[in-house]
Amino acid sequence: MARQIIKERDSKGRLVPKEYLTWTAEYKKENAKGIPYAIDCVVGNYNESLIVPNTNQRYDQRTGQALESEEIVSGSKPVYTIEINDKNKKQIIDKIIGDGFPENIQFYYKDSERGNRDATFSYEDFVSKSIDELRTMSYKGGGSKSPGIWRDKDGVLRDRDGNKI
């Protein structure tokens, strides 16, 4: 399960940061012969196709009719669907986990700007801390499951509290 900040454009075209929740799921099934197989998917986001005008359009010389489609698919963009904030994150996460065991789940902070992922957070860190606190913890050695050793900008090793090692 991961929390991350995604910058999206609002109605005026400005970039606005929003926090989203995603998680990886695995669907297991057996076919008619009893052979198990599984499919992995990510819940909370999907890719939306970008449809643009066809700039390489050709026309029939006699009738003037278009010979190809007027629009074509040109790539895709990710769309996130589960927006959370500090007020509703615990309720949403608890609803997703249900009667499961939170200690068996890996909780991630994803940095979409740098491309980093940090899975050193416990359930308590994940539901009680803000996304900014998760980011700070990740940059300074990680969550409560890590030893908390990190290097500062001068290359000096420090512990979780910032003391030299």
C-alpha atoms as a PDB file:
ATOM      1  CA  MET A   1       0.000   0.000   0.000  1.00  0.00           C
ATOM      2  CA  ALA A   2       1.449   3.387  -0.947  1.00  0.00           C
ATOM      3  CA  ARG A   3       0.795   7.058  -0.261  1.00  0.00           C
ATOM      4  CA  GLN A   4       2.110   9.640  -2.702  1.00  0.00           C
ATOM      5  CA  ILE A   5       1.734  13.247  -3.796  1.00  0.00           C
ATOM      6  CA  ILE A   6       0.617  13.807  -7.397  1.00  0.00           C
ATOM      7  CA  LYS A   7       0.530  17.284  -8.921  1.00  0.00           C
ATOM      8  CA  GLU A   8      -2.572  17.822 -11.047  1.00  0.00           C
ATOM      9  CA  ARG A   9      -3.908  20.838 -12.890  1.00  0.00           C
ATOM     10  CA  ASP A  10      -6.966  22.545 -11.478  1.00  0.00           C
ATOM     11  CA  SER A  11      -9.683  24.348 -13.461  1.00  0.00           C
ATOM     12  CA  LYS A  12      -7.440  27.428 -13.845  1.00  0.00           C
ATOM     13  CA  GLY A  13      -4.453  25.405 -15.111  1.00  0.00           C
ATOM     14  CA  ARG A  14      -2.371  25.663 -11.922  1.00  0.00           C
ATOM     15  CA  LEU A  15      -0.522  22.636 -10.519  1.00  0.00           C
ATOM     16  CA  VAL A  16      -2.104  21.549  -7.245  1.00  0.00           C
ATOM     17  CA  PRO A  17      -0.564  18.771  -5.084  1.00  0.00           C
ATOM     18  CA  LYS A  18      -2.986  16.031  -4.004  1.00  0.00           C
ATOM     19  CA  GLU A  19      -2.373  12.916  -1.944  1.00  0.00           C
ATOM     20  CA  TYR A  20      -3.430   9.546  -3.358  1.00  0.00           C
ATOM     21  CA  LEU A  21      -3.518   5.982  -2.091  1.00  0.00           C
ATOM     22  CA  THR A  22      -2.733   2.941  -4.239  1.00  0.00           C
ATOM     23  CA  TRP A  23      -2.107  -0.716  -3.514  1.00  0.00           C
ATOM     24  CA  THR A  24      -1.105  -3.831  -5.360  1.00  0.00           C
ATOM     25  CA  ALA A  25      -3.552  -6.717  -5.445  1.00  0.00           C
ATOM     26  CA  GLU A  26      -3.299 -10.281  -6.667  1.00  0.00           C
ATOM     27  CA  TYR A  27      -6.295 -12.221  -7.917  1.00  0.00           C
ATOM     28  CA  LYS A  28      -5.903 -15.987  -7.665  1.00  0.00           C
ATOM     29  CA  LYS A  29      -8.058 -18.437  -9.549  1.00  0.00           C
ATOM     30  CA  GLU A  30      -8.019 -21.994 -10.797  1.00  0.00           C
ATOM     31  CA  ASN A  31      -8.880 -22.875 -14.347  1.00  0.00           C
ATOM     32  CA  ALA A  32     -11.239 -25.716 -15.337  1.00  0.00           C
ATOM     33  CA  LYS A  33      -8.432 -28.290 -14.958  1.00  0.00           C
ATOM     34  CA  GLY A  34      -7.589 -27.113 -11.433  1.00  0.00           C
ATOM     35  CA  ILE A  35      -4.345 -25.347 -12.384  1.00  0.00           C
ATOM     36  CA  PRO A  36      -3.869 -22.186 -10.304  1.00  0.00           C
ATOM     37  CA  TYR A  37      -2.939 -18.884 -11.887  1.00  0.00           C
ATOM     38  CA  ALA A  38      -2.769 -15.320 -10.605  1.00  0.00           C
ATOM     39  CA  ILE A  39      -3.073 -11.833 -12.030  1.00  0.00           C
ATOM     40  CA  ASP A  40      -1.408  -8.792 -10.435  1.00  0.00           C
ATOM     41  CA  CYS A  41      -2.950  -5.340 -10.664  1.00  0.00           C
ATOM     42  CA  VAL A  42      -2.665  -1.916  -9.064  1.00  0.00           C
ATOM     43  CA  VAL A  43      -5.806  -0.607  -7.401  1.00  0.00           C
ATOM     44  CA  GLY A  44      -6.244   3.163  -7.212  1.00  0.00           C
ATOM     45  CA  ASN A  45      -4.882   4.183 -10.585  1.00  0.00           C
ATOM     46  CA  TYR A  46      -5.193   3.316 -14.256  1.00  0.00           C
ATOM     47  CA  ASN A  47      -3.867   4.608 -17.574  1.00  0.00           C
ATOM     48  CA  GLU A  48      -6.182   6.737 -19.686  1.00  0.00           C
ATOM     49  CA  SER A  49      -5.588   6.851 -23.446  1.00  0.00           C
ATOM     50  CA  LEU A  50      -4.796  10.226 -24.969  1.00  0.00           C
ATOM     51  CA  ILE A  51      -6.849  10.823 -28.124  1.00  0.00           C
ATOM     52  CA  VAL A  52      -5.532  13.508 -30.481  1.00  0.00           C
ATOM     53  CA  PRO A  53      -6.423  14.689 -34.003  1.00  0.00           C
ATOM     54  CA  ASN A  54      -4.804  12.661 -36.787  1.00  0.00           C
ATOM     55  CA  THR A  55      -2.258  15.003 -38.391  1.00  0.00           C
ATOM     56  CA  ASN A  56      -1.326  12.439 -41.068  1.00  0.00           C
ATOM     57  CA  GLN A  57      -4.838  12.314 -42.471  1.00  0.00           C
ATOM     58  CA  ARG A  58      -5.237  11.411 -46.139  1.00  0.00           C
ATOM     59  CA  TYR A  59      -8.280  12.243 -48.238  1.00  0.00           C
ATOM     60  CA  ASP A  60      -9.864  10.689 -51.332  1.00  0.00           C
ATOM     61  CA  GLN A  61      -9.064  12.970 -54.283  1.00  0.00           C
ATOM     62  CA  ARG A  62     -12.421  12.449 -55.963  1.00  0.00           C
ATOM     63  CA  THR A  63     -14.825  12.675 -53.024  1.00  0.00           C
ATOM     64  CA  GLY A  64     -12.820  14.566 -50.396  1.00  0.00           C
ATOM     65  CA  GLN A  65     -13.706  11.928 -47.785  1.00  0.00           C
ATOM     66  CA  ALA A  66     -11.189  11.081 -45.065  1.00  0.00           C
ATOM     67  CA  LEU A  67      -9.452   7.725 -45.666  1.00  0.00           C
ATOM     68  CA  GLU A  68      -8.360   7.216 -42.049  1.00  0.00           C
ATOM     69  CA  SER A  69      -9.774   7.971 -38.631  1.00  0.00           C
ATOM     70  CA  GLU A  70     -10.066  11.644 -37.667  1.00  0.00           C
ATOM     71  CA  GLU A  71      -8.582  10.929 -34.220  1.00  0.00           C
ATOM     72  CA  ILE A  72      -5.864   8.541 -33.068  1.00  0.00           C
ATOM     73  CA  VAL A  73      -4.563   7.242 -29.736  1.00  0.00           C
ATOM     74  CA  SER A  74      -1.265   8.866 -28.818  1.00  0.00           C
ATOM     75  CA  GLY A  75       0.060   7.484 -25.539  1.00  0.00           C
ATOM     76  CA  SER A  76      -1.556   7.458 -22.133  1.00  0.00           C
ATOM     77  CA  LYS A  77      -1.538   9.283 -18.809  1.00  0.00           C
ATOM     78  CA  PRO A  78      -2.009   7.877 -15.309  1.00  0.00           C
ATOM     79  CA  VAL A  79      -5.261   8.682 -13.525  1.00  0.00           C
ATOM     80  CA  TYR A  80      -5.444   8.309  -9.733  1.00  0.00           C
ATOM     81  CA  THR A  81      -8.810   7.552  -8.165  1.00  0.00           C
ATOM     82  CA  ILE A  82      -8.443   7.325  -4.349  1.00  0.00           C
ATOM     83  CA  GLU A  83      -7.713  10.804  -3.009  1.00  0.00           C
ATOM     84  CA  ILE A  84      -7.035  10.960   0.716  1.00  0.00           C
ATOM     85  CA  ASN A  85      -6.291  13.668   3.272  1.00  0.00           C
ATOM     86  CA  ASP A  86      -5.278  13.772   6.933  1.00  0.00           C
ATOM     87  CA  LYS A  87      -8.915  13.562   8.084  1.00  0.00           C
ATOM     88  CA  ASN A  88     -10.032  10.479   6.143  1.00  0.00           C
ATOM     89  CA  LYS A  89      -6.856   8.425   5.584  1.00  0.00           C
ATOM     90  CA  LYS A  90      -7.210   6.158   8.636  1.00  0.00           C
ATOM     91  CA  GLN A  91     -10.853   5.313   7.871  1.00  0.00           C
ATOM     92  CA  ILE A  92     -10.091   4.536   4.205  1.00  0.00           C
ATOM     93  CA  ILE A  93      -7.024   2.418   5.021  1.00  0.00           C
ATOM     94  CA  ASP A  94      -8.868   0.507   7.764  1.00  0.00           C
ATOM     95  CA  LYS A  95     -11.783  -0.131   5.400  1.00  0.00           C
ATOM     96  CA  ILE A  96      -9.394  -1.541   2.768  1.00  0.00           C
ATOM     97  CA  ILE A  97      -7.511  -3.756   5.230  1.00  0.00           C
ATOM     98  CA  GLY A  98     -10.727  -4.953   6.899  1.00  0.00           C
ATOM     99  CA  ASP A  99     -10.144  -7.940   9.163  1.00  0.00           C
ATOM    100  CA  GLY A 100      -6.686  -8.541   7.656  1.00  0.00           C
ATOM    101  CA  PHE A 101      -3.367  -8.348   9.402  1.00  0.00           C
ATOM    102  CA  PRO A 102      -1.667  -4.939   8.996  1.00  0.00           C
ATOM    103  CA  GLU A 103       1.693  -6.382  10.089  1.00  0.00           C
ATOM    104  CA  ASN A 104       1.707  -8.496   6.881  1.00  0.00           C
ATOM    105  CA  ILE A 105       1.317  -5.442   4.615  1.00  0.00           C
ATOM    106  CA  GLN A 106       4.184  -3.317   3.330  1.00  0.00           C
ATOM    107  CA  PHE A 107       3.403   0.384   3.670  1.00  0.00           C
ATOM    108  CA  TYR A 108       5.225   2.638   1.174  1.00  0.00           C
ATOM    109  CA  TYR A 109       5.927   6.298   0.782  1.00  0.00           C
ATOM    110  CA  LYS A 110       6.401   6.986  -2.942  1.00  0.00           C
ATOM    111  CA  ASP A 111       8.187  10.116  -4.127  1.00  0.00           C
ATOM    112  CA  SER A 112       6.817  10.701  -7.625  1.00  0.00           C
ATOM    113  CA  GLU A 113       9.301  13.533  -8.306  1.00  0.00           C
ATOM    114  CA  ARG A 114      12.475  11.579  -7.470  1.00  0.00           C
ATOM    115  CA  GLY A 115      11.088   8.124  -8.205  1.00  0.00           C
ATOM    116  CA  ASN A 116      12.013   6.759  -4.770  1.00  0.00           C
ATOM    117  CA  ARG A 117      10.002   4.236  -2.758  1.00  0.00           C
ATOM    118  CA  ASP A 118      10.419   3.573   0.941  1.00  0.00           C
ATOM    119  CA  ALA A 119       8.772   0.537   2.572  1.00  0.00           C
ATOM    120  CA  THR A 120      10.165   0.986   6.093  1.00  0.00           C
ATOM    121  CA  PHE A 121       6.932   2.299   7.622  1.00  0.00           C
ATOM    122  CA  SER A 122       4.750   0.497  10.130  1.00  0.00           C
ATOM    123  CA  TYR A 123       0.960   0.656  10.131  1.00  0.00           C
ATOM    124  CA  GLU A 124       1.061   3.268  12.907  1.00  0.00           C
ATOM    125  CA  ASP A 125       3.489   5.465  10.936  1.00  0.00           C
ATOM    126  CA  PHE A 126       1.380   5.104   7.804  1.00  0.00           C
ATOM    127  CA  VAL A 127      -1.975   6.115   9.302  1.00  0.00           C
ATOM    128  CA  SER A 128      -0.860   8.633  11.944  1.00  0.00           C
ATOM    129  CA  LYS A 129       1.778  10.721  10.123  1.00  0.00           C
ATOM    130  CA  SER A 130       1.150  13.320   7.440  1.00  0.00           C
ATOM    131  CA  ILE A 131       2.637  12.865   3.974  1.00  0.00           C
ATOM    132  CA  ASP A 132       5.238  15.558   4.771  1.00  0.00           C
ATOM    133  CA  GLU A 133       6.300  13.684   7.907  1.00  0.00           C
ATOM    134  CA  LEU A 134       6.605  10.455   5.879  1.00  0.00           C
ATOM    135  CA  ARG A 135       8.780  12.289   3.334  1.00  0.00           C
ATOM    136  CA  THR A 136      11.033  13.712   6.071  1.00  0.00           C
ATOM    137  CA  MET A 137      11.343  10.314   7.767  1.00  0.00           C
ATOM    138  CA  SER A 138      12.150   8.670   4.433  1.00  0.00           C
ATOM    139  CA  TYR A 139      14.919  11.167   3.665  1.00  0.00           C
ATOM    140  CA  LYS A 140      16.334  10.800   7.181  1.00  0.00           C
ATOM    141  CA  GLY A 141      16.744   7.050   7.362  1.00  0.00           C
ATOM    142  CA  GLY A 142      13.205   5.733   6.927  1.00  0.00           C
ATOM    143  CA  GLY A 143      10.310   4.713   9.103  1.00  0.00           C
ATOM    144  CA  SER A 144      10.179   2.820  12.363  1.00  0.00           C
ATOM    145  CA  LYS A 145      11.145  -0.487  10.664  1.00  0.00           C
ATOM    146  CA  SER A 146      14.560   0.845   9.548  1.00  0.00           C
ATOM    147  CA  PRO A 147      17.728   1.402  11.592  1.00  0.00           C
ATOM    148  CA  GLY A 148      17.479   5.116  10.723  1.00  0.00           C
ATOM    149  CA  ILE A 149      21.000   5.743   9.433  1.00  0.00           C
ATOM    150  CA  TRP A 150      21.377   8.379   6.698  1.00  0.00           C
ATOM    151  CA  ARG A 151      23.979  10.682   5.137  1.00  0.00           C
ATOM    152  CA  ASP A 152      23.636  14.433   5.276  1.00  0.00           C
ATOM    153  CA  LYS A 153      24.618  16.778   2.428  1.00  0.00           C
ATOM    154  CA  ASP A 154      28.268  16.729   3.592  1.00  0.00           C
ATOM    155  CA  GLY A 155      28.396  12.906   3.543  1.00  0.00           C
ATOM    156  CA  VAL A 156      28.449  12.481   7.334  1.00  0.00           C
ATOM    157  CA  LEU A 157      26.560   9.458   8.724  1.00  0.00           C
ATOM    158  CA  ARG A 158      23.812  10.407  11.159  1.00  0.00           C
ATOM    159  CA  ASP A 159      21.251   8.523  13.217  1.00  0.00           C
ATOM    160  CA  ARG A 160      17.491   9.103  13.233  1.00  0.00           C
ATOM    161  CA  ASP A 161      17.820  12.092  15.602  1.00  0.00           C
ATOM    162  CA  GLY A 162      20.546  13.794  13.538  1.00  0.00           C
ATOM    163  CA  ASN A 163      23.472  12.841  15.793  1.00  0.00           C
ATOM    164  CA  LYS A 164      26.824  11.900  14.202  1.00  0.00           C
ATOM    165  CA  ILE A 165      27.684   8.214  14.181  1.00  0.00           C
END
